[in-house]
Amino acid sequence: MSSDAPVPLPRTAVPLGITDPVERARAELKATLAAIEVKANVPRRLSVKIDDSIEKARDFKRRSPGLALGAVVVAAAAVGAAVWAFVRSYSR
């Protein structure tokens, strides 16, 4: 099954078939700036990574709730032990 619908062009790609050199340069500049924005926008990239991690954690919780609960308990104990060790070393 094939479709004749046009495939959307990514923002970071230069369309084919541009013959005018000025228009081609503008299209290349636009694609380059879009690629730089995608690469340099650290908060957005971090947000996407966090959303992916949250989705993975939710899937893990759905598949094995007992292990997820155990992981939360172990993580809380580790954070508690780290804080306790820091306060103990700071107070001495």
C-alpha atoms as a PDB file:
ATOM      1  CA  MET A   1       0.000   0.000   0.000  1.00  0.00           C
ATOM      2  CA  SER A   2       1.553   3.261  -1.060  1.00  0.00           C
ATOM      3  CA  SER A   3       0.363   6.768  -0.674  1.00  0.00           C
ATOM      4  CA  ASP A   4       0.749   9.673  -3.054  1.00  0.00           C
ATOM      5  CA  ALA A   5       0.682  12.150  -0.189  1.00  0.00           C
ATOM      6  CA  PRO A   6       3.805  14.317  -0.037  1.00  0.00           C
ATOM      7  CA  VAL A   7       6.304  13.512   2.678  1.00  0.00           C
ATOM      8  CA  PRO A   8       6.750  16.476   5.028  1.00  0.00           C
ATOM      9  CA  LEU A   9      10.185  18.068   4.823  1.00  0.00           C
ATOM     10  CA  PRO A  10      12.043  18.485   8.135  1.00  0.00           C
ATOM     11  CA  ARG A  11      12.892  22.020   9.215  1.00  0.00           C
ATOM     12  CA  THR A  12      16.589  21.216   8.971  1.00  0.00           C
ATOM     13  CA  ALA A  13      16.502  20.049   5.328  1.00  0.00           C
ATOM     14  CA  VAL A  14      16.926  22.035   2.123  1.00  0.00           C
ATOM     15  CA  PRO A  15      14.193  21.384  -0.442  1.00  0.00           C
ATOM     16  CA  LEU A  16      15.268  19.888  -3.766  1.00  0.00           C
ATOM     17  CA  GLY A  17      14.693  21.620  -7.069  1.00  0.00           C
ATOM     18  CA  ILE A  18      15.612  25.168  -6.132  1.00  0.00           C
ATOM     19  CA  THR A  19      17.404  26.614  -9.164  1.00  0.00           C
ATOM     20  CA  ASP A  20      17.772  30.249  -8.119  1.00  0.00           C
ATOM     21  CA  PRO A  21      21.092  30.621  -6.249  1.00  0.00           C
ATOM     22  CA  VAL A  22      19.714  33.322  -3.957  1.00  0.00           C
ATOM     23  CA  GLU A  23      16.688  31.255  -2.997  1.00  0.00           C
ATOM     24  CA  ARG A  24      18.932  28.201  -2.490  1.00  0.00           C
ATOM     25  CA  ALA A  25      21.256  30.207  -0.221  1.00  0.00           C
ATOM     26  CA  ARG A  26      18.270  31.440   1.778  1.00  0.00           C
ATOM     27  CA  ALA A  27      16.914  27.910   2.118  1.00  0.00           C
ATOM     28  CA  GLU A  28      20.326  26.612   3.222  1.00  0.00           C
ATOM     29  CA  LEU A  29      20.661  29.440   5.761  1.00  0.00           C
ATOM     30  CA  LYS A  30      17.170  28.763   7.107  1.00  0.00           C
ATOM     31  CA  ALA A  31      17.938  25.034   7.441  1.00  0.00           C
ATOM     32  CA  THR A  32      21.276  25.766   9.111  1.00  0.00           C
ATOM     33  CA  LEU A  33      19.708  28.140  11.632  1.00  0.00           C
ATOM     34  CA  ALA A  34      16.995  25.585  12.394  1.00  0.00           C
ATOM     35  CA  ALA A  35      19.636  22.898  12.952  1.00  0.00           C
ATOM     36  CA  ILE A  36      21.606  25.198  15.263  1.00  0.00           C
ATOM     37  CA  GLU A  37      18.428  25.983  17.210  1.00  0.00           C
ATOM     38  CA  VAL A  38      17.628  22.282  17.591  1.00  0.00           C
ATOM     39  CA  LYS A  39      21.190  21.493  18.709  1.00  0.00           C
ATOM     40  CA  ALA A  40      21.710  24.491  21.002  1.00  0.00           C
ATOM     41  CA  ASN A  41      18.311  24.553  22.708  1.00  0.00           C
ATOM     42  CA  VAL A  42      19.443  22.649  25.792  1.00  0.00           C
ATOM     43  CA  PRO A  43      16.302  23.246  27.902  1.00  0.00           C
ATOM     44  CA  ARG A  44      14.107  21.816  25.165  1.00  0.00           C
ATOM     45  CA  ARG A  45      16.394  18.811  24.643  1.00  0.00           C
ATOM     46  CA  LEU A  46      16.458  18.228  28.406  1.00  0.00           C
ATOM     47  CA  SER A  47      12.670  18.440  28.531  1.00  0.00           C
ATOM     48  CA  VAL A  48      12.383  15.795  25.805  1.00  0.00           C
ATOM     49  CA  LYS A  49      14.843  13.512  27.656  1.00  0.00           C
ATOM     50  CA  ILE A  50      12.934  13.947  30.926  1.00  0.00           C
ATOM     51  CA  ASP A  51       9.624  13.169  29.210  1.00  0.00           C
ATOM     52  CA  ASP A  52      11.151  10.024  27.682  1.00  0.00           C
ATOM     53  CA  SER A  53      12.516   8.938  31.074  1.00  0.00           C
ATOM     54  CA  ILE A  54       9.150   9.500  32.736  1.00  0.00           C
ATOM     55  CA  GLU A  55       7.452   7.428  30.050  1.00  0.00           C
ATOM     56  CA  LYS A  56       9.995   4.611  30.522  1.00  0.00           C
ATOM     57  CA  ALA A  57       9.458   4.695  34.297  1.00  0.00           C
ATOM     58  CA  ARG A  58       5.688   4.530  33.843  1.00  0.00           C
ATOM     59  CA  ASP A  59       6.032   1.566  31.484  1.00  0.00           C
ATOM     60  CA  PHE A  60       8.329  -0.163  33.990  1.00  0.00           C
ATOM     61  CA  LYS A  61       5.782   0.493  36.758  1.00  0.00           C
ATOM     62  CA  ARG A  62       2.980  -0.979  34.635  1.00  0.00           C
ATOM     63  CA  ARG A  63       5.002  -4.093  33.787  1.00  0.00           C
ATOM     64  CA  SER A  64       6.343  -4.826  37.283  1.00  0.00           C
ATOM     65  CA  PRO A  65       4.909  -2.732  40.111  1.00  0.00           C
ATOM     66  CA  GLY A  66       6.758  -4.699  42.817  1.00  0.00           C
ATOM     67  CA  LEU A  67      10.174  -3.990  41.320  1.00  0.00           C
ATOM     68  CA  ALA A  68       9.231  -0.350  40.803  1.00  0.00           C
ATOM     69  CA  LEU A  69       8.297  -0.024  44.474  1.00  0.00           C
ATOM     70  CA  GLY A  70      11.564  -1.704  45.458  1.00  0.00           C
ATOM     71  CA  ALA A  71      13.528   0.703  43.230  1.00  0.00           C
ATOM     72  CA  VAL A  72      11.833   3.689  44.881  1.00  0.00           C
ATOM     73  CA  VAL A  73      12.612   2.358  48.361  1.00  0.00           C
ATOM     74  CA  VAL A  74      16.263   1.705  47.467  1.00  0.00           C
ATOM     75  CA  ALA A  75      16.627   5.156  45.886  1.00  0.00           C
ATOM     76  CA  ALA A  76      15.083   6.840  48.943  1.00  0.00           C
ATOM     77  CA  ALA A  77      17.388   4.895  51.254  1.00  0.00           C
ATOM     78  CA  ALA A  78      20.411   5.859  49.154  1.00  0.00           C
ATOM     79  CA  VAL A  79      19.485   9.552  49.224  1.00  0.00           C
ATOM     80  CA  GLY A  80      18.850   9.379  52.954  1.00  0.00           C
ATOM     81  CA  ALA A  81      22.204   7.684  53.573  1.00  0.00           C
ATOM     82  CA  ALA A  82      24.010  10.261  51.427  1.00  0.00           C
ATOM     83  CA  VAL A  83      22.394  13.158  53.306  1.00  0.00           C
ATOM     84  CA  TRP A  84      23.135  11.519  56.644  1.00  0.00           C
ATOM     85  CA  ALA A  85      26.785  10.964  55.671  1.00  0.00           C
ATOM     86  CA  PHE A  86      27.144  14.565  54.476  1.00  0.00           C
ATOM     87  CA  VAL A  87      25.619  16.025  57.647  1.00  0.00           C
ATOM     88  CA  ARG A  88      27.698  13.742  59.831  1.00  0.00           C
ATOM     89  CA  SER A  89      30.958  14.697  58.068  1.00  0.00           C
ATOM     90  CA  TYR A  90      30.024  18.395  58.111  1.00  0.00           C
ATOM     91  CA  SER A  91      29.181  18.410  61.825  1.00  0.00           C
ATOM     92  CA  ARG A  92      32.494  16.822  62.872  1.00  0.00           C
END
